[in-house]
Amino acid sequence: MGHVFDGWKQGLINFPPTYKYEINCDRYVGERPKQGEKRRSPAWCDRILCLGKGIKQLQYGRAEIKLSDHRPVSSALLVEVEVFDHRKLKRALNFTRAAVHLEIFLDEDGEI
């Protein structure tokens, strides 16, 4: 194996594979292949890698969101930083949280 990610670290994977699912389903593509279709092995294609000192992973897992053939991966990290400009830090922290609000994708029956 090459050295493309030399020095990078990944937390312990203790969650099911993240790829390749049938959309809006818990079944892996290739689990029951159609005639002429190859059987696929589930895989962990989605990763979170860290590089640097002072990084501690608190949580590493996947979300059960079924909008795609991938299951998204998330991580909570504790990161030590040295602050030189408190105004820039405050601005940067305003953009570090993101969330998926599934309710915007649901129809009136609560289905995706």
N, C-alpha and C. Protein backbone atom coordinates (compact mmCIF):
# COMPACT_ATOMS: atom_id res chain seq x y z
N MET A 1 0.84 -1.19 0.00
CA MET A 1 0.00 0.00 0.00
C MET A 1 0.88 1.24 0.00
N GLY A 2 0.47 2.28 -0.69
CA GLY A 2 1.24 3.51 -0.79
C GLY A 2 1.23 4.33 0.48
N HIS A 3 1.75 5.53 0.35
CA HIS A 3 1.86 6.41 1.51
C HIS A 3 1.03 7.67 1.32
N VAL A 4 -0.08 7.57 0.63
CA VAL A 4 -0.92 8.73 0.34
C VAL A 4 -1.43 9.39 1.61
N PHE A 5 -1.85 8.60 2.58
CA PHE A 5 -2.39 9.14 3.82
C PHE A 5 -1.44 8.92 4.99
N ASP A 6 -0.17 8.91 4.73
CA ASP A 6 0.85 8.71 5.75
C ASP A 6 0.71 9.78 6.84
N GLY A 7 0.59 9.35 8.09
CA GLY A 7 0.47 10.28 9.21
C GLY A 7 -0.96 10.62 9.59
N TRP A 8 -1.90 10.36 8.71
CA TRP A 8 -3.31 10.64 9.00
C TRP A 8 -3.84 9.56 9.94
N LYS A 9 -4.81 9.91 10.76
CA LYS A 9 -5.39 8.95 11.70
C LYS A 9 -6.90 8.88 11.50
N GLN A 10 -7.43 7.69 11.75
CA GLN A 10 -8.87 7.46 11.68
C GLN A 10 -9.28 6.74 12.95
N GLY A 11 -10.43 7.08 13.48
CA GLY A 11 -10.93 6.41 14.67
C GLY A 11 -11.32 4.97 14.38
N LEU A 12 -11.58 4.24 15.43
CA LEU A 12 -11.99 2.84 15.32
C LEU A 12 -13.36 2.77 14.64
N ILE A 13 -13.46 1.97 13.60
CA ILE A 13 -14.74 1.79 12.90
C ILE A 13 -15.51 0.69 13.61
N ASN A 14 -16.60 1.08 14.26
CA ASN A 14 -17.45 0.08 14.93
C ASN A 14 -18.90 0.26 14.50
N PHE A 15 -19.07 0.61 13.22
CA PHE A 15 -20.40 0.78 12.64
C PHE A 15 -20.45 0.01 11.33
N PRO A 16 -21.66 -0.33 10.87
CA PRO A 16 -21.80 -1.11 9.63
C PRO A 16 -21.28 -0.34 8.41
N PRO A 17 -21.01 -1.03 7.33
CA PRO A 17 -20.54 -0.37 6.10
C PRO A 17 -21.46 0.77 5.68
N THR A 18 -20.88 1.73 4.98
CA THR A 18 -21.62 2.94 4.60
C THR A 18 -22.02 2.98 3.13
N TYR A 19 -21.66 1.96 2.35
CA TYR A 19 -21.90 2.00 0.90
C TYR A 19 -22.01 0.58 0.38
N LYS A 20 -22.74 0.27 -0.47
CA LYS A 20 -23.66 0.93 -1.37
C LYS A 20 -25.05 0.37 -1.09
N TYR A 21 -25.97 1.25 -0.74
CA TYR A 21 -27.33 0.88 -0.38
C TYR A 21 -28.30 1.19 -1.50
N GLU A 22 -29.41 0.49 -1.48
CA GLU A 22 -30.53 0.90 -2.32
C GLU A 22 -31.10 2.15 -1.65
N ILE A 23 -31.43 3.14 -2.44
CA ILE A 23 -31.92 4.41 -1.89
C ILE A 23 -33.23 4.19 -1.15
N ASN A 24 -33.34 4.83 0.01
CA ASN A 24 -34.51 4.76 0.88
C ASN A 24 -34.77 3.34 1.38
N CYS A 25 -33.68 2.61 1.64
CA CYS A 25 -33.79 1.20 2.01
C CYS A 25 -32.56 0.80 2.84
N ASP A 26 -32.69 -0.27 3.63
CA ASP A 26 -31.55 -0.79 4.40
C ASP A 26 -30.83 -1.92 3.69
N ARG A 27 -31.21 -2.21 2.46
CA ARG A 27 -30.63 -3.33 1.72
C ARG A 27 -29.45 -2.85 0.88
N TYR A 28 -28.37 -3.62 0.94
CA TYR A 28 -27.20 -3.31 0.13
C TYR A 28 -27.47 -3.64 -1.33
N VAL A 29 -26.96 -2.81 -2.24
CA VAL A 29 -27.04 -3.09 -3.67
C VAL A 29 -26.19 -4.33 -3.91
N GLY A 30 -26.69 -5.26 -4.64
CA GLY A 30 -25.94 -6.47 -4.91
C GLY A 30 -26.20 -7.58 -3.91
N GLU A 31 -26.97 -7.28 -2.87
CA GLU A 31 -27.33 -8.31 -1.90
C GLU A 31 -28.16 -9.40 -2.58
N ARG A 32 -29.05 -8.96 -3.44
CA ARG A 32 -29.85 -9.86 -4.26
C ARG A 32 -29.73 -9.38 -5.70
N PRO A 33 -28.60 -9.66 -6.35
CA PRO A 33 -28.38 -9.11 -7.70
C PRO A 33 -29.37 -9.65 -8.73
N LYS A 34 -29.74 -8.76 -9.63
CA LYS A 34 -30.59 -9.16 -10.76
C LYS A 34 -29.72 -9.91 -11.75
N GLN A 35 -30.34 -10.62 -12.66
CA GLN A 35 -29.58 -11.38 -13.65
C GLN A 35 -28.65 -10.45 -14.43
N GLY A 36 -27.40 -10.84 -14.53
CA GLY A 36 -26.40 -10.06 -15.24
C GLY A 36 -25.74 -8.97 -14.41
N GLU A 37 -26.25 -8.73 -13.21
CA GLU A 37 -25.70 -7.71 -12.32
C GLU A 37 -24.69 -8.36 -11.39
N LYS A 38 -23.55 -7.71 -11.16
CA LYS A 38 -22.55 -8.34 -10.28
C LYS A 38 -22.91 -8.14 -8.81
N ARG A 39 -22.49 -9.08 -8.01
CA ARG A 39 -22.71 -9.00 -6.57
C ARG A 39 -21.67 -8.05 -5.99
N ARG A 40 -22.12 -7.10 -5.20
CA ARG A 40 -21.22 -6.12 -4.58
C ARG A 40 -21.04 -6.45 -3.11
N SER A 41 -19.86 -6.23 -2.62
CA SER A 41 -19.62 -6.34 -1.18
C SER A 41 -19.83 -4.97 -0.56
N PRO A 42 -20.53 -4.90 0.58
CA PRO A 42 -20.66 -3.61 1.26
C PRO A 42 -19.27 -3.08 1.63
N ALA A 43 -19.14 -1.76 1.72
CA ALA A 43 -17.82 -1.16 1.97
C ALA A 43 -17.93 0.06 2.87
N TRP A 44 -16.81 0.41 3.47
CA TRP A 44 -16.69 1.62 4.28
C TRP A 44 -15.98 2.66 3.41
N CYS A 45 -16.73 3.30 2.53
CA CYS A 45 -16.15 4.28 1.59
C CYS A 45 -16.06 5.67 2.19
N ASP A 46 -16.84 5.95 3.19
CA ASP A 46 -16.94 7.29 3.75
C ASP A 46 -16.15 7.32 5.06
N ARG A 47 -15.15 8.17 5.11
CA ARG A 47 -14.24 8.19 6.26
C ARG A 47 -14.02 9.62 6.73
N ILE A 48 -13.60 9.75 7.98
CA ILE A 48 -13.13 11.02 8.52
C ILE A 48 -11.72 10.78 9.01
N LEU A 49 -10.78 11.49 8.42
CA LEU A 49 -9.37 11.35 8.76
C LEU A 49 -8.89 12.64 9.43
N CYS A 50 -7.94 12.50 10.35
CA CYS A 50 -7.39 13.66 11.06
C CYS A 50 -5.88 13.67 10.91
N LEU A 51 -5.32 14.86 10.82
CA LEU A 51 -3.88 15.02 10.72
C LEU A 51 -3.49 16.18 11.63
N GLY A 52 -2.59 15.92 12.54
CA GLY A 52 -2.11 16.99 13.41
C GLY A 52 -2.08 16.57 14.87
N LYS A 53 -1.53 17.44 15.68
CA LYS A 53 -1.43 17.19 17.12
C LYS A 53 -2.63 17.80 17.82
N GLY A 54 -2.91 17.32 19.02
CA GLY A 54 -3.96 17.91 19.84
C GLY A 54 -5.37 17.61 19.36
N ILE A 55 -5.56 16.50 18.66
CA ILE A 55 -6.89 16.12 18.17
C ILE A 55 -7.30 14.82 18.86
N LYS A 56 -8.45 14.85 19.52
CA LYS A 56 -8.97 13.65 20.19
C LYS A 56 -10.38 13.40 19.66
N GLN A 57 -10.58 12.20 19.15
CA GLN A 57 -11.90 11.85 18.62
C GLN A 57 -12.78 11.36 19.76
N LEU A 58 -13.93 12.00 19.92
CA LEU A 58 -14.86 11.64 20.99
C LEU A 58 -15.94 10.67 20.51
N GLN A 59 -16.29 10.77 19.24
CA GLN A 59 -17.35 9.93 18.67
C GLN A 59 -17.08 9.76 17.19
N TYR A 60 -17.41 8.58 16.66
CA TYR A 60 -17.24 8.29 15.23
C TYR A 60 -18.33 7.31 14.86
N GLY A 61 -19.19 7.67 13.95
CA GLY A 61 -20.28 6.78 13.60
C GLY A 61 -20.94 7.18 12.30
N ARG A 62 -22.04 6.52 12.01
CA ARG A 62 -22.78 6.83 10.79
C ARG A 62 -24.21 7.16 11.16
N ALA A 63 -24.85 7.94 10.30
CA ALA A 63 -26.25 8.32 10.50
C ALA A 63 -27.11 7.45 9.59
N GLU A 64 -28.29 7.17 10.05
CA GLU A 64 -29.21 6.32 9.28
C GLU A 64 -30.10 7.17 8.38
N ILE A 65 -29.49 8.01 7.57
CA ILE A 65 -30.20 8.84 6.61
C ILE A 65 -30.16 8.10 5.27
N LYS A 66 -31.31 7.91 4.66
CA LYS A 66 -31.42 7.02 3.49
C LYS A 66 -31.70 7.75 2.19
N LEU A 67 -31.23 8.98 2.06
CA LEU A 67 -31.50 9.78 0.87
C LEU A 67 -30.57 9.46 -0.28
N SER A 68 -29.55 8.64 -0.04
CA SER A 68 -28.53 8.36 -1.03
C SER A 68 -28.11 6.90 -0.92
N ASP A 69 -27.19 6.47 -1.77
CA ASP A 69 -26.67 5.10 -1.65
C ASP A 69 -25.54 5.02 -0.63
N HIS A 70 -25.19 6.15 -0.01
CA HIS A 70 -24.21 6.19 1.09
C HIS A 70 -24.94 6.50 2.40
N ARG A 71 -24.37 6.07 3.50
CA ARG A 71 -24.82 6.52 4.82
C ARG A 71 -23.78 7.53 5.29
N PRO A 72 -24.20 8.73 5.69
CA PRO A 72 -23.23 9.74 6.09
C PRO A 72 -22.50 9.35 7.37
N VAL A 73 -21.26 9.79 7.46
CA VAL A 73 -20.41 9.52 8.62
C VAL A 73 -20.25 10.82 9.39
N SER A 74 -20.22 10.72 10.72
CA SER A 74 -20.02 11.92 11.54
C SER A 74 -18.98 11.64 12.61
N SER A 75 -18.43 12.70 13.13
CA SER A 75 -17.44 12.57 14.19
C SER A 75 -17.52 13.79 15.09
N ALA A 76 -17.28 13.59 16.37
CA ALA A 76 -17.12 14.70 17.32
C ALA A 76 -15.65 14.69 17.72
N LEU A 77 -15.01 15.83 17.56
CA LEU A 77 -13.58 15.94 17.84
C LEU A 77 -13.33 17.01 18.89
N LEU A 78 -12.38 16.76 19.76
CA LEU A 78 -11.89 17.77 20.69
C LEU A 78 -10.54 18.20 20.14
N VAL A 79 -10.42 19.48 19.80
CA VAL A 79 -9.21 19.97 19.14
C VAL A 79 -8.60 21.11 19.94
N GLU A 80 -7.34 20.97 20.28
CA GLU A 80 -6.61 22.05 20.94
C GLU A 80 -6.14 23.03 19.88
N VAL A 81 -6.41 24.32 20.11
CA VAL A 81 -5.98 25.34 19.15
C VAL A 81 -5.30 26.48 19.89
N GLU A 82 -4.46 27.18 19.18
CA GLU A 82 -3.83 28.38 19.71
C GLU A 82 -4.45 29.56 18.98
N VAL A 83 -5.03 30.49 19.73
CA VAL A 83 -5.75 31.61 19.14
C VAL A 83 -4.84 32.84 19.07
N PHE A 84 -4.73 33.40 17.86
CA PHE A 84 -3.94 34.62 17.67
C PHE A 84 -4.85 35.84 17.50
N ASP A 85 -6.00 35.66 16.89
CA ASP A 85 -6.93 36.76 16.64
C ASP A 85 -8.33 36.31 17.05
N HIS A 86 -8.80 36.78 18.20
CA HIS A 86 -10.08 36.32 18.75
C HIS A 86 -11.27 36.68 17.86
N ARG A 87 -11.21 37.79 17.12
CA ARG A 87 -12.31 38.17 16.22
C ARG A 87 -12.43 37.17 15.07
N LYS A 88 -11.29 36.77 14.49
CA LYS A 88 -11.32 35.79 13.40
C LYS A 88 -11.81 34.44 13.90
N LEU A 89 -11.41 34.07 15.11
CA LEU A 89 -11.87 32.80 15.68
C LEU A 89 -13.39 32.82 15.85
N LYS A 90 -13.92 33.90 16.39
CA LYS A 90 -15.37 33.99 16.60
C LYS A 90 -16.11 33.87 15.27
N ARG A 91 -15.62 34.52 14.22
CA ARG A 91 -16.23 34.43 12.89
C ARG A 91 -16.18 32.99 12.37
N ALA A 92 -15.04 32.34 12.53
CA ALA A 92 -14.88 30.96 12.05
C ALA A 92 -15.81 30.00 12.77
N LEU A 93 -16.00 30.18 14.06
CA LEU A 93 -16.85 29.28 14.83
C LEU A 93 -18.31 29.39 14.44
N ASN A 94 -18.71 30.48 13.84
CA ASN A 94 -20.10 30.62 13.40
C ASN A 94 -20.42 29.71 12.22
N PHE A 95 -19.42 29.15 11.55
CA PHE A 95 -19.63 28.34 10.36
C PHE A 95 -19.24 26.88 10.54
N THR A 96 -19.04 26.42 11.77
CA THR A 96 -18.52 25.07 11.97
C THR A 96 -19.59 24.01 12.24
N ARG A 97 -20.84 24.40 12.38
CA ARG A 97 -21.88 23.41 12.68
C ARG A 97 -22.84 23.31 11.50
N ALA A 98 -23.15 22.08 11.14
CA ALA A 98 -24.11 21.85 10.06
C ALA A 98 -25.05 20.75 10.50
N ALA A 99 -26.26 20.78 10.01
CA ALA A 99 -27.23 19.75 10.37
C ALA A 99 -28.15 19.48 9.19
N VAL A 100 -28.65 18.26 9.14
CA VAL A 100 -29.64 17.89 8.13
C VAL A 100 -30.99 17.90 8.83
N HIS A 101 -31.93 18.62 8.29
CA HIS A 101 -33.29 18.68 8.84
C HIS A 101 -34.19 17.85 7.94
N LEU A 102 -34.37 16.60 8.33
CA LEU A 102 -35.13 15.66 7.49
C LEU A 102 -36.56 16.11 7.23
N GLU A 103 -37.13 16.88 8.15
CA GLU A 103 -38.53 17.27 7.98
C GLU A 103 -38.78 18.04 6.68
N ILE A 104 -37.77 18.68 6.12
CA ILE A 104 -37.97 19.40 4.86
C ILE A 104 -38.12 18.44 3.68
N PHE A 105 -37.74 17.18 3.86
CA PHE A 105 -37.84 16.20 2.79
C PHE A 105 -39.08 15.32 2.91
N LEU A 106 -39.81 15.44 4.01
CA LEU A 106 -40.95 14.55 4.25
C LEU A 106 -42.21 15.07 3.59
N ASP A 107 -43.04 14.14 3.11
CA ASP A 107 -44.33 14.54 2.57
C ASP A 107 -45.33 14.63 3.73
N GLU A 108 -46.59 14.88 3.43
CA GLU A 108 -47.59 15.07 4.49
C GLU A 108 -47.82 13.82 5.33
N ASP A 109 -47.45 12.63 4.82
CA ASP A 109 -47.59 11.39 5.58
C ASP A 109 -46.33 11.05 6.38
N GLY A 110 -45.34 11.94 6.33
CA GLY A 110 -44.11 11.69 7.06
C GLY A 110 -43.14 10.78 6.33
N GLU A 111 -43.36 10.55 5.03
CA GLU A 111 -42.50 9.69 4.22
C GLU A 111 -41.54 10.54 3.40
N ILE A 112 -40.37 9.98 3.11
CA ILE A 112 -39.38 10.69 2.29
C ILE A 112 -39.75 10.58 0.84
